[in-house]
């Protein structure tokens, strides 16, 4: 079974992120639920935990088969995107709020982009089958 990484801003982790995650999990396994680590960090912030979170997230981006970016994203999301792009991962950009224009590097070649949930699932299934 393929594994995927789902990146978005920390503010979006309770909204559409959960809906997208539920759809994608029908077809592949989530590499890391970073929201759990982030919620733990909010309870007891520390530099050590920041380092653990950052290291875990980058390692999981690199080990995932597919990278899905849910816009909008913050600085950390863009770092994860850059790591996935540099690693040559297949990337789907899901832009339901049509915010992509403000992210110049999301216009790089090879990205699959959609603002439609059904199309996201279709693109994702196609990547899972390859």
C-alpha atoms as a PDB file:
ATOM      1  CA  UNK A   1       0.000   0.000   0.000  1.00  0.00           C
ATOM      2  CA  UNK A   2       1.253   3.462  -0.908  1.00  0.00           C
ATOM      3  CA  UNK A   3       1.983   6.026   1.797  1.00  0.00           C
ATOM      4  CA  UNK A   4       1.273   9.738   1.576  1.00  0.00           C
ATOM      5  CA  UNK A   5       2.088  12.925   3.429  1.00  0.00           C
ATOM      6  CA  UNK A   6      -0.590  15.599   3.796  1.00  0.00           C
ATOM      7  CA  UNK A   7       0.737  19.099   4.444  1.00  0.00           C
ATOM      8  CA  UNK A   8      -1.174  22.260   5.310  1.00  0.00           C
ATOM      9  CA  UNK A   9      -1.066  25.151   7.739  1.00  0.00           C
ATOM     10  CA  UNK A  10      -1.469  24.504  11.436  1.00  0.00           C
ATOM     11  CA  UNK A  11      -4.634  26.615  11.352  1.00  0.00           C
ATOM     12  CA  UNK A  12      -6.245  24.251   8.829  1.00  0.00           C
ATOM     13  CA  UNK A  13      -5.561  21.057  10.800  1.00  0.00           C
ATOM     14  CA  UNK A  14      -9.067  20.823  12.268  1.00  0.00           C
ATOM     15  CA  UNK A  15     -11.116  21.765   9.217  1.00  0.00           C
ATOM     16  CA  UNK A  16     -10.778  20.608   5.648  1.00  0.00           C
ATOM     17  CA  UNK A  17      -7.559  18.707   6.507  1.00  0.00           C
ATOM     18  CA  UNK A  18      -9.620  16.042   8.279  1.00  0.00           C
ATOM     19  CA  UNK A  19     -12.004  15.695   5.332  1.00  0.00           C
ATOM     20  CA  UNK A  20      -9.149  15.377   2.839  1.00  0.00           C
ATOM     21  CA  UNK A  21      -7.358  12.907   5.107  1.00  0.00           C
ATOM     22  CA  UNK A  22     -10.481  10.730   5.339  1.00  0.00           C
ATOM     23  CA  UNK A  23     -10.794  10.597   1.546  1.00  0.00           C
ATOM     24  CA  UNK A  24      -7.120   9.820   0.944  1.00  0.00           C
ATOM     25  CA  UNK A  25      -6.970   7.152   3.649  1.00  0.00           C
ATOM     26  CA  UNK A  26      -9.407   5.063   1.617  1.00  0.00           C
ATOM     27  CA  UNK A  27      -6.590   4.562  -0.909  1.00  0.00           C
ATOM     28  CA  UNK A  28      -3.266   4.866   0.955  1.00  0.00           C
ATOM     29  CA  UNK A  29      -1.770   5.078   4.432  1.00  0.00           C
ATOM     30  CA  UNK A  30      -0.946   8.404   6.079  1.00  0.00           C
ATOM     31  CA  UNK A  31       2.820   8.577   6.662  1.00  0.00           C
ATOM     32  CA  UNK A  32       2.581  10.869   9.700  1.00  0.00           C
ATOM     33  CA  UNK A  33      -0.251  12.630  11.486  1.00  0.00           C
ATOM     34  CA  UNK A  34       1.770  15.712  12.385  1.00  0.00           C
ATOM     35  CA  UNK A  35      -1.288  17.308  13.970  1.00  0.00           C
ATOM     36  CA  UNK A  36      -0.917  15.048  17.019  1.00  0.00           C
ATOM     37  CA  UNK A  37       2.679  16.147  17.580  1.00  0.00           C
ATOM     38  CA  UNK A  38       1.753  19.780  17.017  1.00  0.00           C
ATOM     39  CA  UNK A  39      -1.109  19.595  19.524  1.00  0.00           C
ATOM     40  CA  UNK A  40       1.311  18.071  22.073  1.00  0.00           C
ATOM     41  CA  UNK A  41       3.725  20.914  21.367  1.00  0.00           C
ATOM     42  CA  UNK A  42       1.006  23.460  22.125  1.00  0.00           C
ATOM     43  CA  UNK A  43       0.503  21.829  25.532  1.00  0.00           C
ATOM     44  CA  UNK A  44       4.201  21.891  26.451  1.00  0.00           C
ATOM     45  CA  UNK A  45       6.363  23.858  23.996  1.00  0.00           C
ATOM     46  CA  UNK A  46      10.105  23.235  24.014  1.00  0.00           C
ATOM     47  CA  UNK A  47      13.042  23.519  21.642  1.00  0.00           C
ATOM     48  CA  UNK A  48      13.621  19.770  21.927  1.00  0.00           C
ATOM     49  CA  UNK A  49      10.077  19.026  20.803  1.00  0.00           C
ATOM     50  CA  UNK A  50      10.388  21.551  17.946  1.00  0.00           C
ATOM     51  CA  UNK A  51      13.486  19.708  16.746  1.00  0.00           C
ATOM     52  CA  UNK A  52      11.740  16.329  17.011  1.00  0.00           C
ATOM     53  CA  UNK A  53       8.715  17.577  15.089  1.00  0.00           C
ATOM     54  CA  UNK A  54      10.788  19.165  12.321  1.00  0.00           C
ATOM     55  CA  UNK A  55      13.027  16.108  11.927  1.00  0.00           C
ATOM     56  CA  UNK A  56      10.072  13.717  11.917  1.00  0.00           C
ATOM     57  CA  UNK A  57       8.149  15.742   9.367  1.00  0.00           C
ATOM     58  CA  UNK A  58      11.040  15.990   6.896  1.00  0.00           C
ATOM     59  CA  UNK A  59      11.872  12.283   7.290  1.00  0.00           C
ATOM     60  CA  UNK A  60       8.245  11.373   6.606  1.00  0.00           C
ATOM     61  CA  UNK A  61       8.012  13.681   3.596  1.00  0.00           C
ATOM     62  CA  UNK A  62      11.058  11.885   2.164  1.00  0.00           C
ATOM     63  CA  UNK A  63       9.690   8.401   2.887  1.00  0.00           C
ATOM     64  CA  UNK A  64       6.162   9.049   1.603  1.00  0.00           C
ATOM     65  CA  UNK A  65       5.260   7.865  -1.887  1.00  0.00           C
ATOM     66  CA  UNK A  66       2.960  10.830  -2.599  1.00  0.00           C
ATOM     67  CA  UNK A  67       2.919  14.384  -1.252  1.00  0.00           C
ATOM     68  CA  UNK A  68      -0.392  16.254  -1.019  1.00  0.00           C
ATOM     69  CA  UNK A  69      -0.362  19.974  -0.300  1.00  0.00           C
ATOM     70  CA  UNK A  70      -3.567  21.528   1.016  1.00  0.00           C
ATOM     71  CA  UNK A  71      -3.489  25.295   0.594  1.00  0.00           C
ATOM     72  CA  UNK A  72      -3.180  27.691   2.238  1.00  0.00           C
ATOM     73  CA  UNK A  73       0.063  26.749   3.914  1.00  0.00           C
ATOM     74  CA  UNK A  74       2.476  28.440   6.247  1.00  0.00           C
ATOM     75  CA  UNK A  75       6.276  28.499   6.353  1.00  0.00           C
ATOM     76  CA  UNK A  76       6.555  24.905   7.568  1.00  0.00           C
ATOM     77  CA  UNK A  77       4.204  23.710   4.854  1.00  0.00           C
ATOM     78  CA  UNK A  78       6.352  25.356   2.222  1.00  0.00           C
ATOM     79  CA  UNK A  79       9.513  23.775   3.661  1.00  0.00           C
ATOM     80  CA  UNK A  80       7.802  20.373   3.433  1.00  0.00           C
ATOM     81  CA  UNK A  81       6.739  21.133  -0.135  1.00  0.00           C
ATOM     82  CA  UNK A  82      10.328  22.057  -1.038  1.00  0.00           C
ATOM     83  CA  UNK A  83      11.653  18.820   0.474  1.00  0.00           C
ATOM     84  CA  UNK A  84       9.082  16.782  -1.468  1.00  0.00           C
ATOM     85  CA  UNK A  85       9.850  18.603  -4.718  1.00  0.00           C
ATOM     86  CA  UNK A  86      13.608  18.228  -4.245  1.00  0.00           C
ATOM     87  CA  UNK A  87      13.120  14.506  -3.539  1.00  0.00           C
ATOM     88  CA  UNK A  88      11.177  14.098  -6.794  1.00  0.00           C
ATOM     89  CA  UNK A  89       7.946  13.040  -5.096  1.00  0.00           C
ATOM     90  CA  UNK A  90       4.691  13.142  -7.040  1.00  0.00           C
ATOM     91  CA  UNK A  91       2.875  16.229  -5.731  1.00  0.00           C
ATOM     92  CA  UNK A  92      -0.788  17.147  -5.791  1.00  0.00           C
ATOM     93  CA  UNK A  93      -1.645  20.709  -4.819  1.00  0.00           C
ATOM     94  CA  UNK A  94      -5.207  21.028  -3.526  1.00  0.00           C
ATOM     95  CA  UNK A  95      -6.233  24.675  -3.669  1.00  0.00           C
ATOM     96  CA  UNK A  96      -9.894  24.877  -2.613  1.00  0.00           C
ATOM     97  CA  UNK A  97      -9.648  28.579  -1.735  1.00  0.00           C
ATOM     98  CA  UNK A  98      -7.758  29.514  -4.922  1.00  0.00           C
ATOM     99  CA  UNK A  99      -4.726  30.866  -3.044  1.00  0.00           C
ATOM    100  CA  UNK A 100      -2.091  29.358  -5.343  1.00  0.00           C
ATOM    101  CA  UNK A 101      -1.331  32.636  -7.067  1.00  0.00           C
ATOM    102  CA  UNK A 102       0.482  33.960  -3.998  1.00  0.00           C
ATOM    103  CA  UNK A 103       2.903  31.000  -3.981  1.00  0.00           C
ATOM    104  CA  UNK A 104       5.261  31.478  -6.946  1.00  0.00           C
ATOM    105  CA  UNK A 105       7.044  28.142  -6.591  1.00  0.00           C
ATOM    106  CA  UNK A 106       3.779  26.211  -6.837  1.00  0.00           C
ATOM    107  CA  UNK A 107       3.896  26.951 -10.556  1.00  0.00           C
ATOM    108  CA  UNK A 108       6.902  24.682 -11.026  1.00  0.00           C
ATOM    109  CA  UNK A 109       6.614  21.947 -13.665  1.00  0.00           C
ATOM    110  CA  UNK A 110       5.320  18.507 -12.748  1.00  0.00           C
ATOM    111  CA  UNK A 111       2.757  19.487 -10.133  1.00  0.00           C
ATOM    112  CA  UNK A 112      -0.834  18.320 -10.337  1.00  0.00           C
ATOM    113  CA  UNK A 113      -3.199  21.071  -9.215  1.00  0.00           C
ATOM    114  CA  UNK A 114      -6.912  21.020  -8.448  1.00  0.00           C
ATOM    115  CA  UNK A 115      -9.472  22.992  -6.470  1.00  0.00           C
ATOM    116  CA  UNK A 116     -12.050  20.189  -6.597  1.00  0.00           C
ATOM    117  CA  UNK A 117     -12.274  17.449  -3.941  1.00  0.00           C
ATOM    118  CA  UNK A 118     -13.480  14.783  -6.380  1.00  0.00           C
ATOM    119  CA  UNK A 119     -10.658  15.583  -8.794  1.00  0.00           C
ATOM    120  CA  UNK A 120      -8.181  15.442  -5.914  1.00  0.00           C
ATOM    121  CA  UNK A 121      -9.343  11.925  -5.127  1.00  0.00           C
ATOM    122  CA  UNK A 122      -9.145  10.913  -8.792  1.00  0.00           C
ATOM    123  CA  UNK A 123      -5.594  12.251  -9.187  1.00  0.00           C
ATOM    124  CA  UNK A 124      -4.584  10.596  -5.921  1.00  0.00           C
ATOM    125  CA  UNK A 125      -6.004   7.199  -6.925  1.00  0.00           C
ATOM    126  CA  UNK A 126      -4.135   7.410 -10.231  1.00  0.00           C
ATOM    127  CA  UNK A 127      -0.851   8.014  -8.384  1.00  0.00           C
ATOM    128  CA  UNK A 128      -1.597   5.166  -5.979  1.00  0.00           C
ATOM    129  CA  UNK A 129      -2.100   2.776  -8.878  1.00  0.00           C
ATOM    130  CA  UNK A 130       1.219   3.658 -10.555  1.00  0.00           C
END
